[in-house]
Every structure is written in C-alpha cells, then in structure tokens.
Amino acid sequence: MWKPMNLVSTICIRRVQIRPTILRCFLGIPELEGMIPCYINVGNKIEDLGEDENGDSHGKLHLFFLDDNSFGSSVLGHGLENGGMLKYAALDIVFPNSSTSDNHQIEKNDFLLINNYPNPFKNSTNIYFEISKQRQKDSKLEIFNIKGQCVKEFSLSQNQNSVIWDAKDNHGKNLGSGIYFAKIQNGKTDYIHKMIFLK
C-alpha cells in the first residue's frame, strides 16, 4: 500500500503511469467527456484509494478547471465571449502492481529532480535539475503552456544542471502571464514541474 505523496514526486517515479506530457491529454478522459478543459489547476496530492483485487493501487487526482465553451477563452486572448464554467473533477488513477523482476526495479540512475527559483517569477527563473550522466546526452528541457503547446525548447549539454528561462518562446517573443510546465524527458520517462509567470 502506498501513501499519498506530492504530485511532482509521484510523477518522477519511473514506473508510475502518469504522463501529463501534453495537457491536451485531459480531452480524452471519460470523466471530462464533452468538455474543453482550460486553465487546469491540479491538486498537489494524490488521494490513496487502496488496492483492488488484482493488487493494483488506486489514487484520486483532484483538479479544478475552466470548461471552455469555444476553445477561445483566454486571459489575454480574443476568443469568443460565450464564456465557460469553473468545474471540479476527481480522476481515478491506477498504479499497476509492479513485478519484482529486475526489469521493473527503479534504478538509482533513473531518478531526476527538477525545480525552479524563483517561483512564481517575474522576468526570469532558474530551472535546475539533476540528471544521471548515463541519461544526460538523451535529455532535453521543454516548456509547455497551459494548453499543452511547447513554447520553448532547450538542448542540454553534458554536465549541465540548470537553464535560465526569460519567459520568451522559441522565436524570442515575450509570453503572457500564466502557468507553464517544464518537462525533461530522461530516457522513456517524463518529469514535469509547474511554474507560475507573473508580469
């Protein structure tokens, strides 16, 4: 039986099957059928629901979001003015029972830490991370907006452990205030960190 833990830590565990790589993935979830989830605010803990008859652990992820009526509502945008509704959802997440074979063991070298300071930030933020040397050459850092669009990409060099992001996109254009996600792909595993940009 597992205990509730910080969501970022949970995402960073290799065998946990949570991969919010692109937030558009919320569009295919049955609990959100027929909705257009925008400005998703994910709870910081996963509630422990215990194990099922197969030994798989279940957790509940709580989130609030705007159910947009037109894919156009935006804090700074010019979408249709037909609004949306603030909603709550709780998603059931299954953590498959892990095998004790060597193929399913979490290796020390697969762990990665990612954070940023300051957070929230105004002009720029230092995104720092730890990547195992074995995986470093395959890693890259991407910044996603709340709509799941990749707005900035960094190539990581050998022994690099931080990047300063100035809240600009790949074309040097200033981005708007909001929630952004830093993602590092380390081998087959994605690590996600939430950042808040305030102008």
N, C-alpha and C. Protein backbone atom coordinates (compact mmCIF):
# COMPACT_ATOMS: atom_id res chain seq x y z
N MET A 1 0.85 -1.18 0.00
CA MET A 1 0.00 0.00 0.00
C MET A 1 0.89 1.24 0.00
N TRP A 2 0.58 2.20 -0.86
CA TRP A 2 1.38 3.41 -0.92
C TRP A 2 0.68 4.53 -0.17
N LYS A 3 1.43 5.54 0.21
CA LYS A 3 0.89 6.68 0.94
C LYS A 3 0.76 7.87 0.00
N PRO A 4 -0.18 8.80 0.30
CA PRO A 4 -0.27 9.99 -0.53
C PRO A 4 1.06 10.73 -0.53
N MET A 5 1.43 11.26 -1.67
CA MET A 5 2.70 11.97 -1.76
C MET A 5 2.52 13.16 -2.68
N ASN A 6 3.50 14.04 -2.66
CA ASN A 6 3.48 15.20 -3.51
C ASN A 6 3.35 14.77 -4.97
N LEU A 7 2.51 15.45 -5.74
CA LEU A 7 2.24 15.05 -7.12
C LEU A 7 3.49 15.09 -7.97
N VAL A 8 4.33 16.11 -7.78
CA VAL A 8 5.55 16.19 -8.59
C VAL A 8 6.44 15.00 -8.30
N SER A 9 6.55 14.61 -7.02
CA SER A 9 7.34 13.43 -6.68
C SER A 9 6.74 12.18 -7.31
N THR A 10 5.43 12.10 -7.31
CA THR A 10 4.77 10.92 -7.87
C THR A 10 5.05 10.81 -9.36
N ILE A 11 4.99 11.91 -10.06
CA ILE A 11 5.24 11.90 -11.49
C ILE A 11 6.67 11.47 -11.78
N CYS A 12 7.59 11.78 -10.87
CA CYS A 12 9.00 11.49 -11.11
C CYS A 12 9.38 10.04 -10.86
N ILE A 13 8.47 9.22 -10.35
CA ILE A 13 8.79 7.82 -10.14
C ILE A 13 8.64 7.10 -11.47
N ARG A 14 9.66 6.35 -11.86
CA ARG A 14 9.76 5.79 -13.20
C ARG A 14 8.56 4.97 -13.61
N ARG A 15 8.06 4.10 -12.76
CA ARG A 15 7.03 3.15 -13.18
C ARG A 15 5.61 3.67 -12.98
N VAL A 16 5.42 4.85 -12.44
CA VAL A 16 4.08 5.40 -12.31
C VAL A 16 3.63 5.86 -13.69
N GLN A 17 2.45 5.47 -14.08
CA GLN A 17 2.00 5.72 -15.44
C GLN A 17 1.24 7.04 -15.58
N ILE A 18 1.76 8.10 -14.97
CA ILE A 18 1.17 9.43 -15.14
C ILE A 18 2.11 10.18 -16.06
N ARG A 19 1.62 10.60 -17.23
CA ARG A 19 2.48 11.31 -18.17
C ARG A 19 1.74 12.52 -18.72
N PRO A 20 1.62 13.60 -17.91
CA PRO A 20 0.94 14.78 -18.44
C PRO A 20 1.85 15.57 -19.35
N THR A 21 2.40 14.88 -20.35
CA THR A 21 3.36 15.50 -21.25
C THR A 21 2.72 16.66 -22.00
N ILE A 22 1.56 16.42 -22.56
CA ILE A 22 0.82 17.46 -23.25
C ILE A 22 -0.55 17.52 -22.60
N LEU A 23 -0.92 18.67 -22.11
CA LEU A 23 -2.13 18.76 -21.31
C LEU A 23 -3.39 18.51 -22.12
N ARG A 24 -3.27 18.45 -23.44
CA ARG A 24 -4.44 18.08 -24.25
C ARG A 24 -4.90 16.67 -23.92
N CYS A 25 -4.05 15.90 -23.21
CA CYS A 25 -4.43 14.53 -22.86
C CYS A 25 -5.67 14.52 -21.99
N PHE A 26 -5.99 15.63 -21.31
CA PHE A 26 -7.20 15.68 -20.50
C PHE A 26 -8.45 15.58 -21.36
N LEU A 27 -8.34 15.87 -22.67
CA LEU A 27 -9.51 15.82 -23.54
C LEU A 27 -10.03 14.41 -23.76
N GLY A 28 -9.21 13.39 -23.57
CA GLY A 28 -9.64 12.02 -23.83
C GLY A 28 -10.08 11.26 -22.60
N ILE A 29 -10.18 11.91 -21.46
CA ILE A 29 -10.54 11.24 -20.21
C ILE A 29 -12.06 11.17 -20.10
N PRO A 30 -12.60 9.97 -19.83
CA PRO A 30 -14.06 9.82 -19.79
C PRO A 30 -14.76 10.77 -18.82
N GLU A 31 -14.13 11.04 -17.67
CA GLU A 31 -14.76 11.94 -16.69
C GLU A 31 -14.93 13.35 -17.24
N LEU A 32 -14.18 13.70 -18.27
CA LEU A 32 -14.24 15.04 -18.84
C LEU A 32 -14.87 15.04 -20.24
N GLU A 33 -15.59 13.98 -20.56
CA GLU A 33 -16.21 13.83 -21.88
C GLU A 33 -17.09 15.04 -22.20
N GLY A 34 -16.93 15.58 -23.40
CA GLY A 34 -17.75 16.69 -23.85
C GLY A 34 -17.32 18.04 -23.31
N MET A 35 -16.21 18.10 -22.60
CA MET A 35 -15.74 19.36 -22.04
C MET A 35 -14.48 19.82 -22.76
N ILE A 36 -14.17 21.09 -22.63
CA ILE A 36 -12.92 21.65 -23.14
C ILE A 36 -12.17 22.21 -21.94
N PRO A 37 -11.35 21.38 -21.27
CA PRO A 37 -10.68 21.84 -20.05
C PRO A 37 -9.55 22.82 -20.34
N CYS A 38 -9.61 24.00 -19.72
CA CYS A 38 -8.57 25.02 -19.85
C CYS A 38 -8.18 25.48 -18.45
N TYR A 39 -7.01 26.08 -18.32
CA TYR A 39 -6.53 26.62 -17.04
C TYR A 39 -6.67 25.58 -15.95
N ILE A 40 -6.09 24.43 -16.19
CA ILE A 40 -6.22 23.29 -15.27
C ILE A 40 -5.36 23.52 -14.05
N ASN A 41 -5.95 23.43 -12.87
CA ASN A 41 -5.22 23.57 -11.61
C ASN A 41 -5.27 22.22 -10.91
N VAL A 42 -4.14 21.51 -10.95
CA VAL A 42 -4.07 20.15 -10.42
C VAL A 42 -3.74 20.21 -8.93
N GLY A 43 -4.44 19.39 -8.14
CA GLY A 43 -4.13 19.29 -6.71
C GLY A 43 -2.72 18.81 -6.50
N ASN A 44 -2.15 19.12 -5.33
CA ASN A 44 -0.75 18.77 -5.10
C ASN A 44 -0.58 17.41 -4.45
N LYS A 45 -1.65 16.68 -4.22
CA LYS A 45 -1.54 15.33 -3.65
C LYS A 45 -2.48 14.38 -4.39
N ILE A 46 -2.12 13.11 -4.36
CA ILE A 46 -2.99 12.07 -4.90
C ILE A 46 -3.56 11.31 -3.71
N GLU A 47 -4.88 11.26 -3.63
CA GLU A 47 -5.56 10.59 -2.52
C GLU A 47 -5.47 9.07 -2.68
N ASP A 48 -5.07 8.39 -1.61
CA ASP A 48 -4.93 6.93 -1.63
C ASP A 48 -6.30 6.28 -1.53
N LEU A 49 -6.66 5.46 -2.53
CA LEU A 49 -7.93 4.73 -2.52
C LEU A 49 -7.74 3.25 -2.23
N GLY A 50 -6.51 2.84 -1.94
CA GLY A 50 -6.25 1.45 -1.60
C GLY A 50 -6.00 0.59 -2.83
N GLU A 51 -6.04 -0.72 -2.62
CA GLU A 51 -5.75 -1.67 -3.70
C GLU A 51 -7.02 -2.39 -4.14
N ASP A 52 -7.03 -2.81 -5.41
CA ASP A 52 -8.15 -3.61 -5.90
C ASP A 52 -7.80 -5.09 -5.79
N GLU A 53 -8.68 -5.95 -6.33
CA GLU A 53 -8.48 -7.40 -6.21
C GLU A 53 -7.25 -7.90 -6.95
N ASN A 54 -6.73 -7.12 -7.90
CA ASN A 54 -5.53 -7.51 -8.64
C ASN A 54 -4.24 -7.03 -7.98
N GLY A 55 -4.39 -6.31 -6.88
CA GLY A 55 -3.21 -5.78 -6.20
C GLY A 55 -2.74 -4.45 -6.76
N ASP A 56 -3.50 -3.87 -7.72
CA ASP A 56 -3.14 -2.57 -8.27
C ASP A 56 -3.61 -1.48 -7.31
N SER A 57 -2.77 -0.50 -7.07
CA SER A 57 -3.13 0.62 -6.22
C SER A 57 -3.93 1.64 -7.02
N HIS A 58 -4.87 2.29 -6.36
CA HIS A 58 -5.67 3.33 -7.00
C HIS A 58 -5.48 4.63 -6.24
N GLY A 59 -5.46 5.72 -6.98
CA GLY A 59 -5.37 7.04 -6.38
C GLY A 59 -6.36 7.96 -7.06
N LYS A 60 -6.73 9.02 -6.37
CA LYS A 60 -7.65 10.00 -6.94
C LYS A 60 -6.92 11.33 -7.07
N LEU A 61 -6.93 11.89 -8.28
CA LEU A 61 -6.31 13.17 -8.56
C LEU A 61 -7.41 14.23 -8.63
N HIS A 62 -7.32 15.24 -7.80
CA HIS A 62 -8.33 16.31 -7.77
C HIS A 62 -7.84 17.47 -8.63
N LEU A 63 -8.76 18.07 -9.41
CA LEU A 63 -8.38 19.23 -10.19
C LEU A 63 -9.57 20.15 -10.43
N PHE A 64 -9.26 21.43 -10.58
CA PHE A 64 -10.24 22.44 -10.97
C PHE A 64 -9.84 22.93 -12.35
N PHE A 65 -10.82 23.31 -13.17
CA PHE A 65 -10.51 23.79 -14.50
C PHE A 65 -11.69 24.59 -15.03
N LEU A 66 -11.42 25.37 -16.05
CA LEU A 66 -12.47 26.09 -16.75
C LEU A 66 -12.94 25.23 -17.90
N ASP A 67 -14.23 24.90 -17.93
CA ASP A 67 -14.82 24.19 -19.06
C ASP A 67 -15.17 25.24 -20.10
N ASP A 68 -14.27 25.44 -21.06
CA ASP A 68 -14.42 26.49 -22.06
C ASP A 68 -15.51 26.09 -23.05
N ASN A 69 -16.29 27.05 -23.46
CA ASN A 69 -17.38 26.76 -24.40
C ASN A 69 -16.94 26.82 -25.86
N SER A 70 -15.72 27.35 -26.13
CA SER A 70 -15.38 27.56 -27.54
C SER A 70 -13.90 27.40 -27.89
N PHE A 71 -13.07 26.86 -27.03
CA PHE A 71 -11.62 26.80 -27.25
C PHE A 71 -11.06 28.19 -27.43
N GLY A 72 -11.73 29.21 -26.93
CA GLY A 72 -11.26 30.56 -27.19
C GLY A 72 -11.04 31.40 -25.95
N SER A 73 -11.54 30.99 -24.79
CA SER A 73 -11.37 31.81 -23.60
C SER A 73 -9.91 31.87 -23.24
N SER A 74 -9.45 33.06 -22.93
CA SER A 74 -8.05 33.25 -22.59
C SER A 74 -7.92 34.50 -21.75
N VAL A 75 -6.96 34.49 -20.85
CA VAL A 75 -6.76 35.66 -20.01
C VAL A 75 -6.40 36.86 -20.86
N LEU A 76 -5.54 36.66 -21.86
CA LEU A 76 -5.09 37.76 -22.70
C LEU A 76 -5.56 37.63 -24.15
N GLY A 77 -6.31 36.60 -24.47
CA GLY A 77 -6.67 36.32 -25.85
C GLY A 77 -7.94 37.00 -26.31
N HIS A 78 -8.36 36.64 -27.49
CA HIS A 78 -9.55 37.24 -28.09
C HIS A 78 -10.52 36.17 -28.54
N GLY A 79 -10.81 35.21 -27.69
CA GLY A 79 -11.73 34.14 -28.04
C GLY A 79 -13.17 34.64 -28.06
N LEU A 80 -14.07 33.78 -28.47
CA LEU A 80 -15.48 34.13 -28.44
C LEU A 80 -15.89 34.44 -27.01
N GLU A 81 -16.78 35.37 -26.84
CA GLU A 81 -17.18 35.77 -25.49
C GLU A 81 -18.42 35.00 -25.05
N ASN A 82 -18.40 33.69 -25.23
CA ASN A 82 -19.53 32.91 -24.73
C ASN A 82 -19.16 32.15 -23.48
N GLY A 83 -18.01 32.48 -22.88
CA GLY A 83 -17.65 32.05 -21.54
C GLY A 83 -17.37 30.59 -21.35
N GLY A 84 -17.51 30.19 -20.11
CA GLY A 84 -17.26 28.82 -19.69
C GLY A 84 -17.72 28.68 -18.26
N MET A 85 -17.44 27.55 -17.65
CA MET A 85 -17.88 27.31 -16.28
C MET A 85 -16.74 26.68 -15.49
N LEU A 86 -16.49 27.19 -14.28
CA LEU A 86 -15.48 26.60 -13.41
C LEU A 86 -16.00 25.27 -12.91
N LYS A 87 -15.20 24.21 -13.07
CA LYS A 87 -15.65 22.86 -12.70
C LYS A 87 -14.60 22.16 -11.85
N TYR A 88 -15.05 21.09 -11.21
CA TYR A 88 -14.19 20.24 -10.39
C TYR A 88 -14.29 18.82 -10.93
N ALA A 89 -13.17 18.11 -10.92
CA ALA A 89 -13.18 16.70 -11.30
C ALA A 89 -12.22 15.94 -10.41
N ALA A 90 -12.50 14.67 -10.21
CA ALA A 90 -11.59 13.78 -9.48
C ALA A 90 -11.36 12.57 -10.38
N LEU A 91 -10.13 12.36 -10.77
CA LEU A 91 -9.79 11.30 -11.71
C LEU A 91 -9.21 10.10 -10.97
N ASP A 92 -9.69 8.91 -11.30
CA ASP A 92 -9.16 7.68 -10.71
C ASP A 92 -7.91 7.28 -11.49
N ILE A 93 -6.81 7.10 -10.78
CA ILE A 93 -5.54 6.74 -11.40
C ILE A 93 -5.14 5.36 -10.90
N VAL A 94 -4.75 4.48 -11.82
CA VAL A 94 -4.34 3.13 -11.45
C VAL A 94 -2.81 3.05 -11.48
N PHE A 95 -2.25 2.54 -10.39
CA PHE A 95 -0.82 2.28 -10.29
C PHE A 95 -0.65 0.77 -10.37
N PRO A 96 -0.28 0.23 -11.53
CA PRO A 96 -0.20 -1.23 -11.67
C PRO A 96 0.74 -1.84 -10.65
N ASN A 97 0.35 -3.04 -10.19
CA ASN A 97 1.17 -3.77 -9.24
C ASN A 97 2.49 -4.09 -9.92
N SER A 98 3.60 -3.61 -9.35
CA SER A 98 4.89 -3.80 -10.01
C SER A 98 5.45 -5.18 -9.70
N SER A 99 6.08 -5.74 -10.70
CA SER A 99 6.72 -7.04 -10.57
C SER A 99 8.02 -6.89 -9.80
N THR A 100 8.51 -7.97 -9.25
CA THR A 100 9.78 -7.92 -8.54
C THR A 100 10.95 -8.25 -9.45
N SER A 101 10.68 -8.43 -10.74
CA SER A 101 11.78 -8.75 -11.66
C SER A 101 12.68 -7.54 -11.83
N ASP A 102 13.90 -7.78 -12.29
CA ASP A 102 14.87 -6.71 -12.47
C ASP A 102 14.39 -5.66 -13.46
N ASN A 103 13.54 -6.07 -14.43
CA ASN A 103 13.07 -5.12 -15.43
C ASN A 103 12.16 -4.06 -14.85
N HIS A 104 11.58 -4.30 -13.69
CA HIS A 104 10.63 -3.36 -13.11
C HIS A 104 11.18 -2.65 -11.88
N GLN A 105 12.42 -2.87 -11.55
CA GLN A 105 13.01 -2.19 -10.41
C GLN A 105 13.35 -0.76 -10.80
N ILE A 106 13.18 0.15 -9.86
CA ILE A 106 13.54 1.54 -10.11
C ILE A 106 15.04 1.66 -9.88
N GLU A 107 15.74 2.04 -10.91
CA GLU A 107 17.18 2.16 -10.79
C GLU A 107 17.55 3.52 -10.26
N LYS A 108 18.59 3.54 -9.43
CA LYS A 108 19.05 4.80 -8.86
C LYS A 108 19.39 5.80 -9.96
N ASN A 109 19.95 5.33 -11.05
CA ASN A 109 20.39 6.21 -12.12
C ASN A 109 19.23 6.83 -12.89
N ASP A 110 18.01 6.35 -12.70
CA ASP A 110 16.87 6.87 -13.45
C ASP A 110 16.19 8.03 -12.73
N PHE A 111 16.56 8.33 -11.51
CA PHE A 111 15.92 9.42 -10.79
C PHE A 111 16.40 10.77 -11.31
N LEU A 112 15.51 11.73 -11.29
CA LEU A 112 15.82 13.07 -11.72
C LEU A 112 15.05 14.04 -10.85
N LEU A 113 15.66 15.14 -10.50
CA LEU A 113 14.99 16.19 -9.75
C LEU A 113 14.90 17.41 -10.64
N ILE A 114 13.78 18.12 -10.59
CA ILE A 114 13.62 19.34 -11.37
C ILE A 114 12.86 20.35 -10.51
N ASN A 115 13.33 21.60 -10.54
CA ASN A 115 12.71 22.66 -9.76
C ASN A 115 13.07 23.99 -10.41
N ASN A 116 12.48 25.07 -9.93
CA ASN A 116 12.89 26.39 -10.42
C ASN A 116 12.80 27.41 -9.30
N TYR A 117 13.61 28.46 -9.43
CA TYR A 117 13.61 29.54 -8.45
C TYR A 117 13.92 30.83 -9.17
N PRO A 118 13.20 31.91 -8.91
CA PRO A 118 12.02 31.97 -8.05
C PRO A 118 10.80 31.36 -8.74
N ASN A 119 9.82 31.03 -7.96
CA ASN A 119 8.55 30.51 -8.45
C ASN A 119 7.45 30.90 -7.46
N PRO A 120 6.56 31.79 -7.84
CA PRO A 120 6.35 32.47 -9.11
C PRO A 120 7.52 33.42 -9.44
N PHE A 121 7.62 33.78 -10.74
CA PHE A 121 8.71 34.66 -11.17
C PHE A 121 8.16 35.76 -12.07
N LYS A 122 8.95 36.86 -12.17
CA LYS A 122 8.54 38.00 -12.99
C LYS A 122 9.27 38.06 -14.32
N ASN A 123 10.60 38.20 -14.28
CA ASN A 123 11.36 38.39 -15.51
C ASN A 123 12.01 37.11 -16.02
N SER A 124 12.61 36.37 -15.11
CA SER A 124 13.27 35.13 -15.50
C SER A 124 13.31 34.20 -14.30
N THR A 125 13.56 32.93 -14.57
CA THR A 125 13.66 31.95 -13.49
C THR A 125 14.77 30.96 -13.84
N ASN A 126 15.41 30.46 -12.81
CA ASN A 126 16.47 29.46 -12.98
C ASN A 126 15.84 28.08 -12.79
N ILE A 127 15.83 27.30 -13.86
CA ILE A 127 15.30 25.93 -13.79
C ILE A 127 16.50 25.02 -13.58
N TYR A 128 16.50 24.33 -12.45
CA TYR A 128 17.64 23.46 -12.17
C TYR A 128 17.17 22.02 -12.04
N PHE A 129 18.09 21.11 -12.32
CA PHE A 129 17.72 19.69 -12.40
C PHE A 129 18.96 18.84 -12.17
N GLU A 130 18.72 17.60 -11.86
CA GLU A 130 19.78 16.60 -11.72
C GLU A 130 19.43 15.44 -12.64
N ILE A 131 20.34 15.12 -13.52
CA ILE A 131 20.14 14.02 -14.46
C ILE A 131 21.33 13.08 -14.33
N SER A 132 21.07 11.80 -14.35
CA SER A 132 22.18 10.84 -14.30
C SER A 132 23.04 11.02 -15.54
N LYS A 133 24.35 10.83 -15.39
CA LYS A 133 25.27 11.01 -16.52
C LYS A 133 24.96 10.05 -17.66
N GLN A 134 24.44 8.86 -17.32
CA GLN A 134 24.12 7.88 -18.35
C GLN A 134 22.99 8.38 -19.25
N ARG A 135 22.08 9.19 -18.71
CA ARG A 135 20.91 9.64 -19.46
C ARG A 135 21.05 11.06 -20.00
N GLN A 136 22.06 11.80 -19.56
CA GLN A 136 22.14 13.22 -19.85
C GLN A 136 22.19 13.53 -21.34
N LYS A 137 22.89 12.73 -22.11
CA LYS A 137 23.03 13.03 -23.54
C LYS A 137 21.71 12.89 -24.28
N ASP A 138 20.75 12.14 -23.74
CA ASP A 138 19.46 11.95 -24.40
C ASP A 138 18.39 12.92 -23.91
N SER A 139 18.74 13.83 -23.00
CA SER A 139 17.74 14.66 -22.35
C SER A 139 17.59 16.02 -23.01
N LYS A 140 16.37 16.56 -22.93
CA LYS A 140 16.11 17.92 -23.37
C LYS A 140 15.07 18.52 -22.45
N LEU A 141 15.08 19.84 -22.34
CA LEU A 141 14.14 20.56 -21.50
C LEU A 141 13.17 21.31 -22.39
N GLU A 142 11.87 21.12 -22.15
CA GLU A 142 10.84 21.81 -22.92
C GLU A 142 9.92 22.55 -21.95
N ILE A 143 9.41 23.69 -22.40
CA ILE A 143 8.45 24.48 -21.62
C ILE A 143 7.12 24.42 -22.36
N PHE A 144 6.06 24.06 -21.63
CA PHE A 144 4.71 23.97 -22.20
C PHE A 144 3.81 25.00 -21.54
N ASN A 145 2.88 25.57 -22.32
CA ASN A 145 1.87 26.44 -21.72
C ASN A 145 0.71 25.59 -21.22
N ILE A 146 -0.29 26.23 -20.65
CA ILE A 146 -1.41 25.51 -20.04
C ILE A 146 -2.24 24.77 -21.08
N LYS A 147 -2.13 25.15 -22.35
CA LYS A 147 -2.87 24.47 -23.42
C LYS A 147 -2.12 23.25 -23.94
N GLY A 148 -0.92 23.00 -23.40
CA GLY A 148 -0.15 21.84 -23.82
C GLY A 148 0.73 22.10 -25.03
N GLN A 149 0.90 23.36 -25.40
CA GLN A 149 1.74 23.70 -26.55
C GLN A 149 3.18 23.92 -26.08
N CYS A 150 4.12 23.34 -26.79
CA CYS A 150 5.54 23.55 -26.46
C CYS A 150 5.93 24.94 -26.94
N VAL A 151 6.32 25.81 -25.99
CA VAL A 151 6.65 27.19 -26.34
C VAL A 151 8.15 27.45 -26.36
N LYS A 152 8.92 26.62 -25.67
CA LYS A 152 10.37 26.82 -25.60
C LYS A 152 11.06 25.47 -25.45
N GLU A 153 12.19 25.32 -26.11
CA GLU A 153 12.94 24.07 -26.05
C GLU A 153 14.41 24.39 -25.82
N PHE A 154 15.03 23.66 -24.90
CA PHE A 154 16.45 23.81 -24.61
C PHE A 154 17.15 22.49 -24.88
N SER A 155 18.27 22.54 -25.58
CA SER A 155 19.13 21.36 -25.71
C SER A 155 20.08 21.38 -24.53
N LEU A 156 20.24 20.25 -23.87
CA LEU A 156 21.08 20.19 -22.68
C LEU A 156 22.44 19.61 -23.04
N SER A 157 23.48 20.28 -22.59
CA SER A 157 24.84 19.81 -22.85
C SER A 157 25.31 18.92 -21.70
N GLN A 158 26.41 18.24 -21.92
CA GLN A 158 26.98 17.34 -20.91
C GLN A 158 27.27 18.12 -19.63
N ASN A 159 26.91 17.57 -18.49
CA ASN A 159 27.14 18.14 -17.16
C ASN A 159 26.36 19.43 -16.90
N GLN A 160 25.40 19.78 -17.74
CA GLN A 160 24.58 20.96 -17.49
C GLN A 160 23.53 20.62 -16.46
N ASN A 161 23.33 21.51 -15.47
CA ASN A 161 22.34 21.23 -14.43
C ASN A 161 21.38 22.38 -14.19
N SER A 162 21.40 23.41 -15.05
CA SER A 162 20.43 24.49 -14.91
C SER A 162 20.29 25.24 -16.22
N VAL A 163 19.15 25.92 -16.34
CA VAL A 163 18.84 26.76 -17.50
C VAL A 163 18.14 28.00 -16.98
N ILE A 164 18.49 29.15 -17.49
CA ILE A 164 17.75 30.37 -17.15
C ILE A 164 16.75 30.62 -18.26
N TRP A 165 15.47 30.70 -17.87
CA TRP A 165 14.41 30.95 -18.85
C TRP A 165 13.88 32.35 -18.64
N ASP A 166 13.85 33.15 -19.70
CA ASP A 166 13.43 34.55 -19.63
C ASP A 166 11.97 34.75 -20.04
N ALA A 167 11.17 33.72 -19.99
CA ALA A 167 9.74 33.78 -20.32
C ALA A 167 9.51 34.20 -21.78
N LYS A 168 10.43 33.78 -22.65
CA LYS A 168 10.26 34.02 -24.09
C LYS A 168 10.12 32.68 -24.79
N ASP A 169 9.46 32.69 -25.95
CA ASP A 169 9.28 31.45 -26.70
C ASP A 169 10.49 31.19 -27.60
N ASN A 170 10.39 30.18 -28.43
CA ASN A 170 11.49 29.80 -29.32
C ASN A 170 11.85 30.88 -30.34
N HIS A 171 10.94 31.82 -30.57
CA HIS A 171 11.16 32.89 -31.54
C HIS A 171 11.58 34.19 -30.87
N GLY A 172 11.81 34.16 -29.54
CA GLY A 172 12.21 35.35 -28.81
C GLY A 172 11.06 36.26 -28.43
N LYS A 173 9.82 35.79 -28.63
CA LYS A 173 8.64 36.59 -28.31
C LYS A 173 8.30 36.45 -26.83
N ASN A 174 7.96 37.57 -26.19
CA ASN A 174 7.56 37.55 -24.78
C ASN A 174 6.25 36.79 -24.61
N LEU A 175 6.20 35.93 -23.62
CA LEU A 175 4.98 35.16 -23.34
C LEU A 175 4.15 35.87 -22.28
N GLY A 176 2.87 35.52 -22.23
CA GLY A 176 1.97 36.12 -21.27
C GLY A 176 2.05 35.46 -19.90
N SER A 177 1.54 36.15 -18.91
CA SER A 177 1.48 35.59 -17.56
C SER A 177 0.66 34.32 -17.57
N GLY A 178 0.99 33.41 -16.67
CA GLY A 178 0.22 32.18 -16.57
C GLY A 178 1.02 31.04 -16.00
N ILE A 179 0.44 29.85 -16.10
CA ILE A 179 1.08 28.64 -15.61
C ILE A 179 1.80 27.97 -16.78
N TYR A 180 3.04 27.58 -16.52
CA TYR A 180 3.85 26.88 -17.51
C TYR A 180 4.41 25.62 -16.87
N PHE A 181 4.75 24.66 -17.69
CA PHE A 181 5.29 23.39 -17.20
C PHE A 181 6.64 23.13 -17.85
N ALA A 182 7.65 22.88 -17.00
CA ALA A 182 8.96 22.47 -17.50
C ALA A 182 8.96 20.96 -17.56
N LYS A 183 9.39 20.41 -18.69
CA LYS A 183 9.41 18.95 -18.85
C LYS A 183 10.79 18.52 -19.31
N ILE A 184 11.33 17.52 -18.63
CA ILE A 184 12.56 16.89 -19.09
C ILE A 184 12.24 15.45 -19.39
N GLN A 185 12.62 15.02 -20.57
CA GLN A 185 12.47 13.61 -20.92
C GLN A 185 13.81 12.95 -20.71
N ASN A 186 13.83 11.98 -19.82
CA ASN A 186 15.07 11.29 -19.45
C ASN A 186 14.88 9.83 -19.81
N GLY A 187 15.35 9.43 -21.00
CA GLY A 187 15.07 8.09 -21.47
C GLY A 187 13.61 7.99 -21.86
N LYS A 188 12.88 7.04 -21.26
CA LYS A 188 11.46 6.84 -21.57
C LYS A 188 10.55 7.54 -20.57
N THR A 189 11.13 8.26 -19.61
CA THR A 189 10.35 8.85 -18.53
C THR A 189 10.31 10.36 -18.66
N ASP A 190 9.12 10.96 -18.46
CA ASP A 190 8.97 12.40 -18.47
C ASP A 190 8.88 12.91 -17.04
N TYR A 191 9.54 14.03 -16.78
CA TYR A 191 9.49 14.67 -15.47
C TYR A 191 8.93 16.07 -15.68
N ILE A 192 7.90 16.41 -14.92
CA ILE A 192 7.17 17.66 -15.11
C ILE A 192 7.27 18.52 -13.86
N HIS A 193 7.42 19.84 -14.07
CA HIS A 193 7.43 20.78 -12.94
C HIS A 193 6.59 22.00 -13.31
N LYS A 194 5.72 22.42 -12.40
CA LYS A 194 4.82 23.55 -12.63
C LYS A 194 5.50 24.86 -12.24
N MET A 195 5.38 25.87 -13.10
CA MET A 195 5.94 27.19 -12.84
C MET A 195 4.87 28.25 -13.08
N ILE A 196 4.95 29.35 -12.35
CA ILE A 196 3.98 30.43 -12.49
C ILE A 196 4.73 31.70 -12.90
N PHE A 197 4.33 32.27 -14.04
CA PHE A 197 4.94 33.50 -14.55
C PHE A 197 3.96 34.65 -14.34
N LEU A 198 4.41 35.68 -13.61
CA LEU A 198 3.60 36.86 -13.34
C LEU A 198 4.31 38.08 -13.90
N LYS A 199 3.67 38.81 -14.79
CA LYS A 199 4.31 40.03 -15.35
C LYS A 199 4.19 41.17 -14.37
